[in-house]
Amino acid sequence: MTVHGKKQKQETVSIIKKMENLGYIHMDTKPRFNYFKKDGKEYRIDRYDKNHIIQEINEATFVASARVKSWAIVLEWERPDGTLYTETKADVPSRVSDEIDEYITKLEEKIN
C-alpha cells in the first residue's frame, strides 16, 4: 500500500469514528463514499472532499451525481479513396490517460 493509500485509510477511519460519535451508524465504505444512517435517513461523505460535507441521500442525489464510468478515444480515419471509418482506442499510454482522467474529474466537479 502506498503512503497516500495509508493516509486515505487513516482519514476514513477517523471520519467514521467522528460520525459515530455524532450518532451516525456506519453502513458501508465504497471507493469514493462512506455511507451512514441516522434517524431513518441515509447520508454519505465523499472521501476525496477535504471538507467532508455530509450529504443526505435521496433520489435526486443519484440523478445529480453524474460520474464517468469509462472512456475511450474515437478516431475517424479518411482513406485515400475518401471513405471514412472509425476506430475506438481504449488502451492508451498512462501519460495520456492520466491527463484525460484529470480532465474528466474536473468536468464531473463542474457538473455536480
Protein backbone atom coordinates (compact mmCIF):
# COMPACT_ATOMS: atom_id res chain seq x y z
CA MET A 1 0.00 0.00 0.00
CA THR A 2 1.32 3.44 -0.84
CA VAL A 3 1.82 6.20 1.68
CA HIS A 4 -1.13 8.04 0.12
CA GLY A 5 -3.24 4.88 0.49
CA LYS A 6 -2.36 4.63 4.19
CA LYS A 7 -3.22 8.29 4.73
CA GLN A 8 -6.58 7.85 2.94
CA LYS A 9 -7.39 4.80 5.09
CA GLN A 10 -6.47 6.66 8.30
CA GLU A 11 -8.65 9.62 7.28
CA THR A 12 -11.54 7.25 6.51
CA VAL A 13 -11.28 5.58 9.92
CA SER A 14 -11.13 9.00 11.59
CA ILE A 15 -14.21 10.21 9.70
CA ILE A 16 -16.14 7.07 10.62
CA LYS A 17 -15.28 7.47 14.32
CA LYS A 18 -16.25 11.16 14.27
CA MET A 19 -19.57 10.35 12.60
CA GLU A 20 -20.29 7.54 15.08
CA ASN A 21 -19.57 9.97 17.94
CA LEU A 22 -22.27 12.21 16.41
CA GLY A 23 -24.77 9.34 16.46
CA TYR A 24 -24.47 8.16 12.84
CA ILE A 25 -24.27 4.44 12.07
CA HIS A 26 -21.60 3.48 9.52
CA MET A 27 -23.28 1.36 6.84
CA ASP A 28 -20.67 0.87 4.11
CA THR A 29 -17.47 2.16 2.54
CA LYS A 30 -17.19 2.30 -1.23
CA PRO A 31 -14.25 3.55 -3.31
CA ARG A 32 -15.48 7.15 -3.26
CA PHE A 33 -18.01 7.44 -0.39
CA ASN A 34 -18.59 6.42 3.21
CA TYR A 35 -22.28 5.69 3.88
CA PHE A 36 -24.09 6.38 7.16
CA LYS A 37 -27.58 6.23 8.64
CA LYS A 38 -29.20 8.33 11.37
CA ASP A 39 -32.84 8.82 12.39
CA GLY A 40 -34.06 6.69 9.46
CA LYS A 41 -32.24 8.82 6.86
CA GLU A 42 -29.21 7.84 4.82
CA TYR A 43 -26.14 10.00 4.30
CA ARG A 44 -22.79 9.84 2.56
CA ILE A 45 -19.47 11.62 2.73
CA ASP A 46 -17.20 11.95 -0.30
CA ARG A 47 -13.87 10.55 0.88
CA TYR A 48 -11.96 12.84 -1.52
CA ASP A 49 -13.72 16.03 -0.39
CA LYS A 50 -11.39 17.82 2.05
CA ASN A 51 -14.40 19.47 3.74
CA HIS A 52 -16.11 16.10 4.39
CA ILE A 53 -19.59 17.53 3.81
CA ILE A 54 -22.41 15.25 4.97
CA GLN A 55 -24.78 14.70 2.03
CA GLU A 56 -28.28 13.39 2.55
CA ILE A 57 -29.04 10.60 0.11
CA ASN A 58 -32.32 10.81 -1.76
CA GLU A 59 -33.50 10.14 -5.29
CA ALA A 60 -32.05 13.43 -6.53
CA THR A 61 -28.61 12.56 -5.12
CA PHE A 62 -28.01 9.92 -7.72
CA VAL A 63 -29.51 11.93 -10.56
CA ALA A 64 -27.31 14.92 -9.72
CA SER A 65 -24.11 12.94 -9.14
CA ALA A 66 -23.04 12.10 -12.66
CA ARG A 67 -19.80 10.15 -12.94
CA VAL A 68 -17.96 8.94 -16.00
CA LYS A 69 -17.93 5.14 -15.86
CA SER A 70 -15.42 4.64 -18.66
CA TRP A 71 -13.97 6.44 -21.64
CA ALA A 72 -12.17 5.76 -24.90
CA ILE A 73 -10.69 7.73 -27.76
CA VAL A 74 -12.56 7.54 -31.06
CA LEU A 75 -10.52 8.16 -34.21
CA GLU A 76 -12.12 8.97 -37.54
CA TRP A 77 -9.86 7.90 -40.39
CA GLU A 78 -10.12 9.01 -44.00
CA ARG A 79 -8.85 6.54 -46.54
CA PRO A 80 -7.13 7.69 -49.76
CA ASP A 81 -10.36 6.97 -51.67
CA GLY A 82 -12.24 9.42 -49.42
CA THR A 83 -14.22 6.85 -47.39
CA LEU A 84 -14.27 7.19 -43.61
CA TYR A 85 -14.09 4.66 -40.83
CA THR A 86 -13.84 4.95 -37.06
CA GLU A 87 -11.59 3.15 -34.63
CA THR A 88 -12.00 3.13 -30.84
CA LYS A 89 -8.88 3.07 -28.66
CA ALA A 90 -9.38 2.10 -25.03
CA ASP A 91 -5.77 1.22 -24.27
CA VAL A 92 -3.63 4.35 -24.25
CA PRO A 93 -0.30 5.14 -22.56
CA SER A 94 -0.59 6.26 -18.92
CA ARG A 95 0.87 9.68 -19.76
CA VAL A 96 -2.20 10.20 -21.95
CA SER A 97 -4.79 8.51 -19.72
CA ASP A 98 -3.63 10.40 -16.61
CA GLU A 99 -4.23 13.73 -18.34
CA ILE A 100 -7.65 12.64 -19.61
CA ASP A 101 -8.64 11.28 -16.17
CA GLU A 102 -7.74 14.62 -14.59
CA TYR A 103 -9.75 16.49 -17.25
CA ILE A 104 -12.78 14.23 -16.74
CA THR A 105 -12.60 14.65 -12.94
CA LYS A 106 -12.76 18.44 -13.41
CA LEU A 107 -15.76 18.06 -15.73
CA GLU A 108 -17.52 15.91 -13.13
CA GLU A 109 -16.87 18.53 -10.45
CA LYS A 110 -18.39 21.23 -12.68
CA ILE A 111 -21.47 19.15 -13.39
CA ASN A 112 -22.03 18.06 -9.81
